Protein backbone atom coordinates (compact mmCIF):
# COMPACT_ATOMS: atom_id res chain seq x y z
CA UNK A 1 0.00 0.00 0.00
CA UNK A 2 1.50 3.32 -0.96
CA UNK A 3 2.00 6.14 1.59
CA UNK A 4 -0.71 8.42 0.16
CA UNK A 5 -3.33 5.68 0.57
CA UNK A 6 -2.15 4.95 4.12
CA UNK A 7 -2.39 8.65 5.06
CA UNK A 8 -5.87 8.87 3.55
CA UNK A 9 -7.02 5.74 5.41
CA UNK A 10 -5.63 7.09 8.71
CA UNK A 11 -7.47 10.39 8.21
CA UNK A 12 -10.67 8.58 7.37
CA UNK A 13 -10.42 6.30 10.42
CA UNK A 14 -9.66 9.21 12.75
CA UNK A 15 -12.58 11.21 11.28
CA UNK A 16 -14.85 8.20 11.81
CA UNK A 17 -13.83 8.01 15.46
CA UNK A 18 -14.30 11.78 15.82
CA UNK A 19 -17.81 11.35 14.43
CA UNK A 20 -18.59 8.72 17.08
CA UNK A 21 -17.12 10.94 19.83
CA UNK A 22 -19.09 13.98 18.63
CA UNK A 23 -22.30 11.94 18.63
CA UNK A 24 -21.64 10.60 22.15
CA UNK A 25 -20.76 14.09 23.39
CA UNK A 26 -24.06 15.48 22.11
CA UNK A 27 -26.06 12.67 23.72
CA UNK A 28 -24.15 12.88 27.02
CA UNK A 29 -24.74 16.64 27.23
CA UNK A 30 -28.47 16.08 26.70
CA UNK A 31 -28.49 13.44 29.43
CA UNK A 32 -26.46 15.71 31.74
CA UNK A 33 -29.08 18.45 31.34
CA UNK A 34 -31.46 16.66 33.71
CA UNK A 35 -29.21 17.44 36.70
CA UNK A 36 -27.66 20.89 36.21
CA UNK A 37 -26.35 23.40 38.71
CA UNK A 38 -23.96 25.73 36.86
CA UNK A 39 -23.61 23.73 33.63
CA UNK A 40 -19.85 23.26 34.12
CA UNK A 41 -20.11 19.46 34.12
CA UNK A 42 -22.28 19.39 31.01
CA UNK A 43 -19.88 21.69 29.14
CA UNK A 44 -16.86 19.65 30.29
CA UNK A 45 -18.03 16.59 28.33
CA UNK A 46 -15.73 16.64 25.33
CA UNK A 47 -13.42 14.70 23.05
CA UNK A 48 -9.94 15.18 21.60
CA UNK A 49 -7.39 13.35 19.53
CA UNK A 50 -5.38 10.80 21.43
CA UNK A 51 -2.18 8.94 20.63
CA UNK A 52 -1.99 7.12 17.32
CA UNK A 53 -5.40 7.01 15.67
CA UNK A 54 -7.35 7.10 18.95
CA UNK A 55 -9.91 9.70 19.95
CA UNK A 56 -10.48 10.30 23.68
CA UNK A 57 -14.01 10.99 24.94
CA UNK A 58 -14.99 11.94 28.47
CA UNK A 59 -15.22 14.66 31.09
CA UNK A 60 -12.46 17.25 31.26
CA UNK A 61 -11.47 17.27 34.93
CA UNK A 62 -9.69 20.55 34.35
CA UNK A 63 -13.05 22.23 33.72
CA UNK A 64 -15.17 20.11 36.08
CA UNK A 65 -13.01 18.49 38.79
CA UNK A 66 -16.15 17.26 40.56
CA UNK A 67 -17.07 15.21 37.45
CA UNK A 68 -14.93 12.29 38.58
CA UNK A 69 -16.81 11.96 41.87
CA UNK A 70 -20.24 12.29 40.27
CA UNK A 71 -19.37 9.73 37.58
CA UNK A 72 -17.81 7.12 39.88
CA UNK A 73 -19.82 7.85 43.04
CA UNK A 74 -18.92 8.96 46.56
CA UNK A 75 -20.11 8.27 50.09
CA UNK A 76 -22.68 10.75 51.39
CA UNK A 77 -20.96 13.20 53.70
CA UNK A 78 -21.32 16.42 55.63
CA UNK A 79 -19.93 19.60 54.01
CA UNK A 80 -19.61 22.73 56.17
CA UNK A 81 -21.28 25.83 54.74
CA UNK A 82 -17.98 27.66 54.29
CA UNK A 83 -17.06 25.21 51.50
CA UNK A 84 -20.35 25.29 49.63
CA UNK A 85 -21.75 28.70 50.50
CA UNK A 86 -22.28 29.74 46.87
CA UNK A 87 -24.10 26.51 46.06
CA UNK A 88 -26.33 27.09 49.09
CA UNK A 89 -27.09 30.63 47.90
CA UNK A 90 -27.93 29.48 44.34
CA UNK A 91 -30.31 26.83 45.69
CA UNK A 92 -31.70 29.02 48.46
CA UNK A 93 -30.57 26.63 51.18
CA UNK A 94 -30.53 28.56 54.43
CA UNK A 95 -32.61 31.42 53.02
CA UNK A 96 -36.04 32.32 54.34
CA UNK A 97 -38.47 34.51 52.42
CA UNK A 98 -39.98 37.44 54.29
CA UNK A 99 -42.62 40.04 53.49
CA UNK A 100 -41.76 42.51 50.76
CA UNK A 101 -39.81 39.97 48.73
CA UNK A 102 -36.61 40.43 50.76
CA UNK A 103 -34.55 37.38 51.61
CA UNK A 104 -33.13 36.77 55.06
CA UNK A 105 -30.59 34.07 55.80
CA UNK A 106 -31.43 31.52 58.41
CA UNK A 107 -28.41 31.55 60.73
CA UNK A 108 -28.90 27.91 61.70
CA UNK A 109 -28.79 26.59 58.10
CA UNK A 110 -25.88 28.78 57.02
CA UNK A 111 -23.85 27.93 60.09
CA UNK A 112 -24.26 24.19 59.66
CA UNK A 113 -23.84 23.26 56.02
CA UNK A 114 -25.30 20.43 54.00
CA UNK A 115 -25.29 16.63 54.06
CA UNK A 116 -24.42 15.90 50.40
CA UNK A 117 -26.14 12.79 49.10
CA UNK A 118 -28.42 12.50 52.10
CA UNK A 119 -32.11 11.57 52.21
CA UNK A 120 -33.98 13.79 49.75
CA UNK A 121 -30.93 14.30 47.52
CA UNK A 122 -31.50 14.42 43.75
CA UNK A 123 -28.34 12.36 43.17
CA UNK A 124 -28.66 8.69 42.18
CA UNK A 125 -27.64 5.87 44.53
CA UNK A 126 -25.94 2.52 44.01
CA UNK A 127 -27.02 -0.89 45.20
CA UNK A 128 -29.78 -1.06 47.79
CA UNK A 129 -29.34 2.57 48.79
CA UNK A 130 -26.96 5.27 49.93
CA UNK A 131 -25.25 4.61 53.21
CA UNK A 132 -23.90 7.14 55.63
CA UNK A 133 -23.79 8.49 59.16
CA UNK A 134 -26.61 10.66 60.38
CA UNK A 135 -27.58 12.04 63.75
CA UNK A 136 -30.88 10.95 65.25
CA UNK A 137 -33.27 13.67 66.54
CA UNK A 138 -31.86 12.87 69.99
CA UNK A 139 -28.33 13.66 68.78
CA UNK A 140 -27.07 10.07 68.61
CA UNK A 141 -24.79 9.13 65.68
CA UNK A 142 -26.18 6.22 63.67
CA UNK A 143 -25.40 4.36 60.43
CA UNK A 144 -28.34 4.35 58.04
CA UNK A 145 -29.23 3.34 54.46
CA UNK A 146 -31.71 5.33 52.35
CA UNK A 147 -32.94 5.87 48.81
CA UNK A 148 -32.47 9.28 47.16
CA UNK A 149 -34.87 11.14 44.89
CA UNK A 150 -32.52 10.59 41.95
CA UNK A 151 -33.29 6.88 41.90
CA UNK A 152 -31.16 3.76 41.67
CA UNK A 153 -28.22 3.60 39.26
CA UNK A 154 -26.69 0.38 38.02
CA UNK A 155 -23.43 2.27 37.43
CA UNK A 156 -22.71 3.23 41.04
CA UNK A 157 -21.20 0.97 43.72
CA UNK A 158 -23.21 -0.13 46.73
CA UNK A 159 -23.77 2.65 49.25
CA UNK A 160 -22.49 5.51 47.07
CA UNK A 161 -24.27 8.43 45.41
CA UNK A 162 -23.48 10.35 42.24
CA UNK A 163 -24.68 11.21 38.76
CA UNK A 164 -23.03 8.96 36.15
CA UNK A 165 -23.25 10.38 32.64
CA UNK A 166 -20.71 8.67 30.40
CA UNK A 167 -21.53 5.01 31.05
CA UNK A 168 -25.32 5.41 30.79
CA UNK A 169 -24.87 7.42 27.58
CA UNK A 170 -22.71 4.72 26.06
CA UNK A 171 -25.08 1.95 27.13
CA UNK A 172 -28.24 3.71 25.90
CA UNK A 173 -26.88 4.86 22.54
CA UNK A 174 -28.02 2.46 19.79
CA UNK A 175 -25.17 0.68 18.01
CA UNK A 176 -26.71 1.66 14.66
CA UNK A 177 -26.40 5.36 15.59
CA UNK A 178 -22.72 4.86 16.43
CA UNK A 179 -22.11 3.03 13.16
CA UNK A 180 -23.84 5.85 11.28
CA UNK A 181 -21.75 8.51 13.06
CA UNK A 182 -18.58 6.59 12.23
CA UNK A 183 -19.52 6.24 8.56
CA UNK A 184 -20.39 9.94 8.22
CA UNK A 185 -17.01 10.88 9.68
CA UNK A 186 -15.18 8.27 7.60
CA UNK A 187 -16.75 9.52 4.37
CA UNK A 188 -15.49 13.03 5.04
CA UNK A 189 -12.07 11.62 4.31
CA UNK A 190 -9.24 14.09 4.76
CA UNK A 191 -11.66 17.08 4.83
CA UNK A 192 -11.92 17.31 8.62
CA UNK A 193 -8.87 17.53 10.81
C-alpha atoms as a PDB file:
ATOM      1  CA  UNK A   1       0.000   0.000   0.000  1.00  0.00           C
ATOM      2  CA  UNK A   2       1.498   3.325  -0.960  1.00  0.00           C
ATOM      3  CA  UNK A   3       2.003   6.145   1.595  1.00  0.00           C
ATOM      4  CA  UNK A   4      -0.712   8.424   0.165  1.00  0.00           C
ATOM      5  CA  UNK A   5      -3.332   5.677   0.568  1.00  0.00           C
ATOM      6  CA  UNK A   6      -2.150   4.947   4.116  1.00  0.00           C
ATOM      7  CA  UNK A   7      -2.391   8.653   5.055  1.00  0.00           C
ATOM      8  CA  UNK A   8      -5.869   8.868   3.546  1.00  0.00           C
ATOM      9  CA  UNK A   9      -7.016   5.742   5.409  1.00  0.00           C
ATOM     10  CA  UNK A  10      -5.628   7.090   8.713  1.00  0.00           C
ATOM     11  CA  UNK A  11      -7.469  10.394   8.214  1.00  0.00           C
ATOM     12  CA  UNK A  12     -10.674   8.583   7.370  1.00  0.00           C
ATOM     13  CA  UNK A  13     -10.425   6.295  10.420  1.00  0.00           C
ATOM     14  CA  UNK A  14      -9.659   9.209  12.750  1.00  0.00           C
ATOM     15  CA  UNK A  15     -12.575  11.209  11.285  1.00  0.00           C
ATOM     16  CA  UNK A  16     -14.852   8.195  11.810  1.00  0.00           C
ATOM     17  CA  UNK A  17     -13.827   8.013  15.465  1.00  0.00           C
ATOM     18  CA  UNK A  18     -14.300  11.777  15.820  1.00  0.00           C
ATOM     19  CA  UNK A  19     -17.811  11.351  14.431  1.00  0.00           C
ATOM     20  CA  UNK A  20     -18.590   8.723  17.083  1.00  0.00           C
ATOM     21  CA  UNK A  21     -17.117  10.936  19.831  1.00  0.00           C
ATOM     22  CA  UNK A  22     -19.089  13.983  18.635  1.00  0.00           C
ATOM     23  CA  UNK A  23     -22.305  11.942  18.635  1.00  0.00           C
ATOM     24  CA  UNK A  24     -21.635  10.595  22.147  1.00  0.00           C
ATOM     25  CA  UNK A  25     -20.758  14.094  23.387  1.00  0.00           C
ATOM     26  CA  UNK A  26     -24.064  15.482  22.106  1.00  0.00           C
ATOM     27  CA  UNK A  27     -26.060  12.666  23.722  1.00  0.00           C
ATOM     28  CA  UNK A  28     -24.147  12.883  27.019  1.00  0.00           C
ATOM     29  CA  UNK A  29     -24.736  16.638  27.229  1.00  0.00           C
ATOM     30  CA  UNK A  30     -28.467  16.084  26.701  1.00  0.00           C
ATOM     31  CA  UNK A  31     -28.489  13.441  29.427  1.00  0.00           C
ATOM     32  CA  UNK A  32     -26.464  15.706  31.742  1.00  0.00           C
ATOM     33  CA  UNK A  33     -29.078  18.449  31.341  1.00  0.00           C
ATOM     34  CA  UNK A  34     -31.458  16.664  33.714  1.00  0.00           C
ATOM     35  CA  UNK A  35     -29.208  17.442  36.704  1.00  0.00           C
ATOM     36  CA  UNK A  36     -27.658  20.893  36.207  1.00  0.00           C
ATOM     37  CA  UNK A  37     -26.346  23.399  38.711  1.00  0.00           C
ATOM     38  CA  UNK A  38     -23.962  25.733  36.863  1.00  0.00           C
ATOM     39  CA  UNK A  39     -23.611  23.729  33.631  1.00  0.00           C
ATOM     40  CA  UNK A  40     -19.847  23.262  34.116  1.00  0.00           C
ATOM     41  CA  UNK A  41     -20.106  19.462  34.122  1.00  0.00           C
ATOM     42  CA  UNK A  42     -22.276  19.394  31.013  1.00  0.00           C
ATOM     43  CA  UNK A  43     -19.881  21.691  29.137  1.00  0.00           C
ATOM     44  CA  UNK A  44     -16.858  19.649  30.295  1.00  0.00           C
ATOM     45  CA  UNK A  45     -18.029  16.592  28.328  1.00  0.00           C
ATOM     46  CA  UNK A  46     -15.729  16.644  25.332  1.00  0.00           C
ATOM     47  CA  UNK A  47     -13.419  14.698  23.050  1.00  0.00           C
ATOM     48  CA  UNK A  48      -9.942  15.182  21.602  1.00  0.00           C
ATOM     49  CA  UNK A  49      -7.386  13.348  19.527  1.00  0.00           C
ATOM     50  CA  UNK A  50      -5.383  10.796  21.431  1.00  0.00           C
ATOM     51  CA  UNK A  51      -2.180   8.941  20.627  1.00  0.00           C
ATOM     52  CA  UNK A  52      -1.992   7.117  17.318  1.00  0.00           C
ATOM     53  CA  UNK A  53      -5.401   7.006  15.674  1.00  0.00           C
ATOM     54  CA  UNK A  54      -7.350   7.104  18.946  1.00  0.00           C
ATOM     55  CA  UNK A  55      -9.910   9.704  19.955  1.00  0.00           C
ATOM     56  CA  UNK A  56     -10.485  10.302  23.677  1.00  0.00           C
ATOM     57  CA  UNK A  57     -14.014  10.991  24.936  1.00  0.00           C
ATOM     58  CA  UNK A  58     -14.990  11.936  28.466  1.00  0.00           C
ATOM     59  CA  UNK A  59     -15.221  14.664  31.093  1.00  0.00           C
ATOM     60  CA  UNK A  60     -12.460  17.252  31.264  1.00  0.00           C
ATOM     61  CA  UNK A  61     -11.473  17.273  34.925  1.00  0.00           C
ATOM     62  CA  UNK A  62      -9.688  20.550  34.353  1.00  0.00           C
ATOM     63  CA  UNK A  63     -13.052  22.233  33.722  1.00  0.00           C
ATOM     64  CA  UNK A  64     -15.172  20.111  36.084  1.00  0.00           C
ATOM     65  CA  UNK A  65     -13.011  18.491  38.791  1.00  0.00           C
ATOM     66  CA  UNK A  66     -16.149  17.256  40.557  1.00  0.00           C
ATOM     67  CA  UNK A  67     -17.071  15.211  37.453  1.00  0.00           C
ATOM     68  CA  UNK A  68     -14.926  12.285  38.578  1.00  0.00           C
ATOM     69  CA  UNK A  69     -16.808  11.958  41.866  1.00  0.00           C
ATOM     70  CA  UNK A  70     -20.238  12.289  40.266  1.00  0.00           C
ATOM     71  CA  UNK A  71     -19.373   9.726  37.577  1.00  0.00           C
ATOM     72  CA  UNK A  72     -17.811   7.117  39.878  1.00  0.00           C
ATOM     73  CA  UNK A  73     -19.818   7.852  43.040  1.00  0.00           C
ATOM     74  CA  UNK A  74     -18.915   8.960  46.559  1.00  0.00           C
ATOM     75  CA  UNK A  75     -20.108   8.267  50.087  1.00  0.00           C
ATOM     76  CA  UNK A  76     -22.683  10.747  51.389  1.00  0.00           C
ATOM     77  CA  UNK A  77     -20.962  13.199  53.700  1.00  0.00           C
ATOM     78  CA  UNK A  78     -21.322  16.422  55.633  1.00  0.00           C
ATOM     79  CA  UNK A  79     -19.926  19.599  54.011  1.00  0.00           C
ATOM     80  CA  UNK A  80     -19.609  22.725  56.169  1.00  0.00           C
ATOM     81  CA  UNK A  81     -21.277  25.825  54.737  1.00  0.00           C
ATOM     82  CA  UNK A  82     -17.977  27.664  54.291  1.00  0.00           C
ATOM     83  CA  UNK A  83     -17.064  25.211  51.505  1.00  0.00           C
ATOM     84  CA  UNK A  84     -20.354  25.290  49.633  1.00  0.00           C
ATOM     85  CA  UNK A  85     -21.751  28.702  50.503  1.00  0.00           C
ATOM     86  CA  UNK A  86     -22.280  29.738  46.866  1.00  0.00           C
ATOM     87  CA  UNK A  87     -24.102  26.505  46.064  1.00  0.00           C
ATOM     88  CA  UNK A  88     -26.332  27.085  49.090  1.00  0.00           C
ATOM     89  CA  UNK A  89     -27.088  30.629  47.901  1.00  0.00           C
ATOM     90  CA  UNK A  90     -27.925  29.478  44.345  1.00  0.00           C
ATOM     91  CA  UNK A  91     -30.306  26.831  45.690  1.00  0.00           C
ATOM     92  CA  UNK A  92     -31.695  29.023  48.461  1.00  0.00           C
ATOM     93  CA  UNK A  93     -30.569  26.625  51.179  1.00  0.00           C
ATOM     94  CA  UNK A  94     -30.534  28.558  54.429  1.00  0.00           C
ATOM     95  CA  UNK A  95     -32.610  31.418  53.017  1.00  0.00           C
ATOM     96  CA  UNK A  96     -36.042  32.322  54.338  1.00  0.00           C
ATOM     97  CA  UNK A  97     -38.467  34.512  52.422  1.00  0.00           C
ATOM     98  CA  UNK A  98     -39.982  37.436  54.292  1.00  0.00           C
ATOM     99  CA  UNK A  99     -42.620  40.038  53.485  1.00  0.00           C
ATOM    100  CA  UNK A 100     -41.757  42.514  50.763  1.00  0.00           C
ATOM    101  CA  UNK A 101     -39.809  39.974  48.732  1.00  0.00           C
ATOM    102  CA  UNK A 102     -36.614  40.435  50.765  1.00  0.00           C
ATOM    103  CA  UNK A 103     -34.546  37.379  51.609  1.00  0.00           C
ATOM    104  CA  UNK A 104     -33.129  36.765  55.059  1.00  0.00           C
ATOM    105  CA  UNK A 105     -30.593  34.072  55.797  1.00  0.00           C
ATOM    106  CA  UNK A 106     -31.426  31.522  58.412  1.00  0.00           C
ATOM    107  CA  UNK A 107     -28.406  31.545  60.729  1.00  0.00           C
ATOM    108  CA  UNK A 108     -28.900  27.906  61.704  1.00  0.00           C
ATOM    109  CA  UNK A 109     -28.791  26.592  58.099  1.00  0.00           C
ATOM    110  CA  UNK A 110     -25.883  28.784  57.024  1.00  0.00           C
ATOM    111  CA  UNK A 111     -23.848  27.927  60.086  1.00  0.00           C
ATOM    112  CA  UNK A 112     -24.262  24.187  59.665  1.00  0.00           C
ATOM    113  CA  UNK A 113     -23.838  23.261  56.016  1.00  0.00           C
ATOM    114  CA  UNK A 114     -25.305  20.432  54.001  1.00  0.00           C
ATOM    115  CA  UNK A 115     -25.288  16.634  54.062  1.00  0.00           C
ATOM    116  CA  UNK A 116     -24.415  15.900  50.403  1.00  0.00           C
ATOM    117  CA  UNK A 117     -26.143  12.790  49.097  1.00  0.00           C
ATOM    118  CA  UNK A 118     -28.419  12.504  52.102  1.00  0.00           C
ATOM    119  CA  UNK A 119     -32.112  11.571  52.209  1.00  0.00           C
ATOM    120  CA  UNK A 120     -33.982  13.793  49.755  1.00  0.00           C
ATOM    121  CA  UNK A 121     -30.925  14.301  47.523  1.00  0.00           C
ATOM    122  CA  UNK A 122     -31.496  14.424  43.749  1.00  0.00           C
ATOM    123  CA  UNK A 123     -28.337  12.356  43.168  1.00  0.00           C
ATOM    124  CA  UNK A 124     -28.664   8.687  42.183  1.00  0.00           C
ATOM    125  CA  UNK A 125     -27.645   5.869  44.530  1.00  0.00           C
ATOM    126  CA  UNK A 126     -25.937   2.524  44.009  1.00  0.00           C
ATOM    127  CA  UNK A 127     -27.024  -0.887  45.200  1.00  0.00           C
ATOM    128  CA  UNK A 128     -29.780  -1.059  47.793  1.00  0.00           C
ATOM    129  CA  UNK A 129     -29.336   2.569  48.794  1.00  0.00           C
ATOM    130  CA  UNK A 130     -26.963   5.267  49.931  1.00  0.00           C
ATOM    131  CA  UNK A 131     -25.253   4.607  53.215  1.00  0.00           C
ATOM    132  CA  UNK A 132     -23.898   7.143  55.634  1.00  0.00           C
ATOM    133  CA  UNK A 133     -23.786   8.493  59.163  1.00  0.00           C
ATOM    134  CA  UNK A 134     -26.615  10.661  60.385  1.00  0.00           C
ATOM    135  CA  UNK A 135     -27.584  12.040  63.752  1.00  0.00           C
ATOM    136  CA  UNK A 136     -30.882  10.949  65.247  1.00  0.00           C
ATOM    137  CA  UNK A 137     -33.267  13.674  66.536  1.00  0.00           C
ATOM    138  CA  UNK A 138     -31.859  12.873  69.986  1.00  0.00           C
ATOM    139  CA  UNK A 139     -28.334  13.656  68.778  1.00  0.00           C
ATOM    140  CA  UNK A 140     -27.066  10.066  68.608  1.00  0.00           C
ATOM    141  CA  UNK A 141     -24.792   9.127  65.677  1.00  0.00           C
ATOM    142  CA  UNK A 142     -26.177   6.218  63.668  1.00  0.00           C
ATOM    143  CA  UNK A 143     -25.401   4.365  60.425  1.00  0.00           C
ATOM    144  CA  UNK A 144     -28.343   4.352  58.036  1.00  0.00           C
ATOM    145  CA  UNK A 145     -29.234   3.341  54.458  1.00  0.00           C
ATOM    146  CA  UNK A 146     -31.714   5.329  52.349  1.00  0.00           C
ATOM    147  CA  UNK A 147     -32.940   5.874  48.814  1.00  0.00           C
ATOM    148  CA  UNK A 148     -32.466   9.278  47.160  1.00  0.00           C
ATOM    149  CA  UNK A 149     -34.875  11.140  44.887  1.00  0.00           C
ATOM    150  CA  UNK A 150     -32.520  10.594  41.954  1.00  0.00           C
ATOM    151  CA  UNK A 151     -33.290   6.879  41.900  1.00  0.00           C
ATOM    152  CA  UNK A 152     -31.156   3.755  41.671  1.00  0.00           C
ATOM    153  CA  UNK A 153     -28.217   3.601  39.264  1.00  0.00           C
ATOM    154  CA  UNK A 154     -26.689   0.376  38.017  1.00  0.00           C
ATOM    155  CA  UNK A 155     -23.431   2.266  37.431  1.00  0.00           C
ATOM    156  CA  UNK A 156     -22.715   3.233  41.044  1.00  0.00           C
ATOM    157  CA  UNK A 157     -21.202   0.965  43.715  1.00  0.00           C
ATOM    158  CA  UNK A 158     -23.212  -0.129  46.734  1.00  0.00           C
ATOM    159  CA  UNK A 159     -23.773   2.654  49.255  1.00  0.00           C
ATOM    160  CA  UNK A 160     -22.493   5.513  47.067  1.00  0.00           C
ATOM    161  CA  UNK A 161     -24.270   8.431  45.412  1.00  0.00           C
ATOM    162  CA  UNK A 162     -23.485  10.355  42.239  1.00  0.00           C
ATOM    163  CA  UNK A 163     -24.681  11.209  38.756  1.00  0.00           C
ATOM    164  CA  UNK A 164     -23.031   8.959  36.154  1.00  0.00           C
ATOM    165  CA  UNK A 165     -23.247  10.376  32.637  1.00  0.00           C
ATOM    166  CA  UNK A 166     -20.706   8.665  30.396  1.00  0.00           C
ATOM    167  CA  UNK A 167     -21.531   5.014  31.050  1.00  0.00           C
ATOM    168  CA  UNK A 168     -25.324   5.411  30.785  1.00  0.00           C
ATOM    169  CA  UNK A 169     -24.874   7.418  27.579  1.00  0.00           C
ATOM    170  CA  UNK A 170     -22.708   4.720  26.056  1.00  0.00           C
ATOM    171  CA  UNK A 171     -25.082   1.948  27.126  1.00  0.00           C
ATOM    172  CA  UNK A 172     -28.244   3.710  25.902  1.00  0.00           C
ATOM    173  CA  UNK A 173     -26.879   4.864  22.537  1.00  0.00           C
ATOM    174  CA  UNK A 174     -28.023   2.463  19.791  1.00  0.00           C
ATOM    175  CA  UNK A 175     -25.169   0.682  18.007  1.00  0.00           C
ATOM    176  CA  UNK A 176     -26.707   1.664  14.660  1.00  0.00           C
ATOM    177  CA  UNK A 177     -26.403   5.358  15.593  1.00  0.00           C
ATOM    178  CA  UNK A 178     -22.724   4.863  16.435  1.00  0.00           C
ATOM    179  CA  UNK A 179     -22.114   3.034  13.158  1.00  0.00           C
ATOM    180  CA  UNK A 180     -23.840   5.853  11.280  1.00  0.00           C
ATOM    181  CA  UNK A 181     -21.754   8.512  13.062  1.00  0.00           C
ATOM    182  CA  UNK A 182     -18.577   6.593  12.234  1.00  0.00           C
ATOM    183  CA  UNK A 183     -19.516   6.244   8.563  1.00  0.00           C
ATOM    184  CA  UNK A 184     -20.393   9.935   8.220  1.00  0.00           C
ATOM    185  CA  UNK A 185     -17.010  10.884   9.677  1.00  0.00           C
ATOM    186  CA  UNK A 186     -15.179   8.269   7.598  1.00  0.00           C
ATOM    187  CA  UNK A 187     -16.751   9.524   4.373  1.00  0.00           C
ATOM    188  CA  UNK A 188     -15.489  13.034   5.042  1.00  0.00           C
ATOM    189  CA  UNK A 189     -12.068  11.617   4.306  1.00  0.00           C
ATOM    190  CA  UNK A 190      -9.243  14.092   4.764  1.00  0.00           C
ATOM    191  CA  UNK A 191     -11.656  17.075   4.827  1.00  0.00           C
ATOM    192  CA  UNK A 192     -11.921  17.309   8.624  1.00  0.00           C
ATOM    193  CA  UNK A 193      -8.867  17.530  10.806  1.00  0.00           C
END
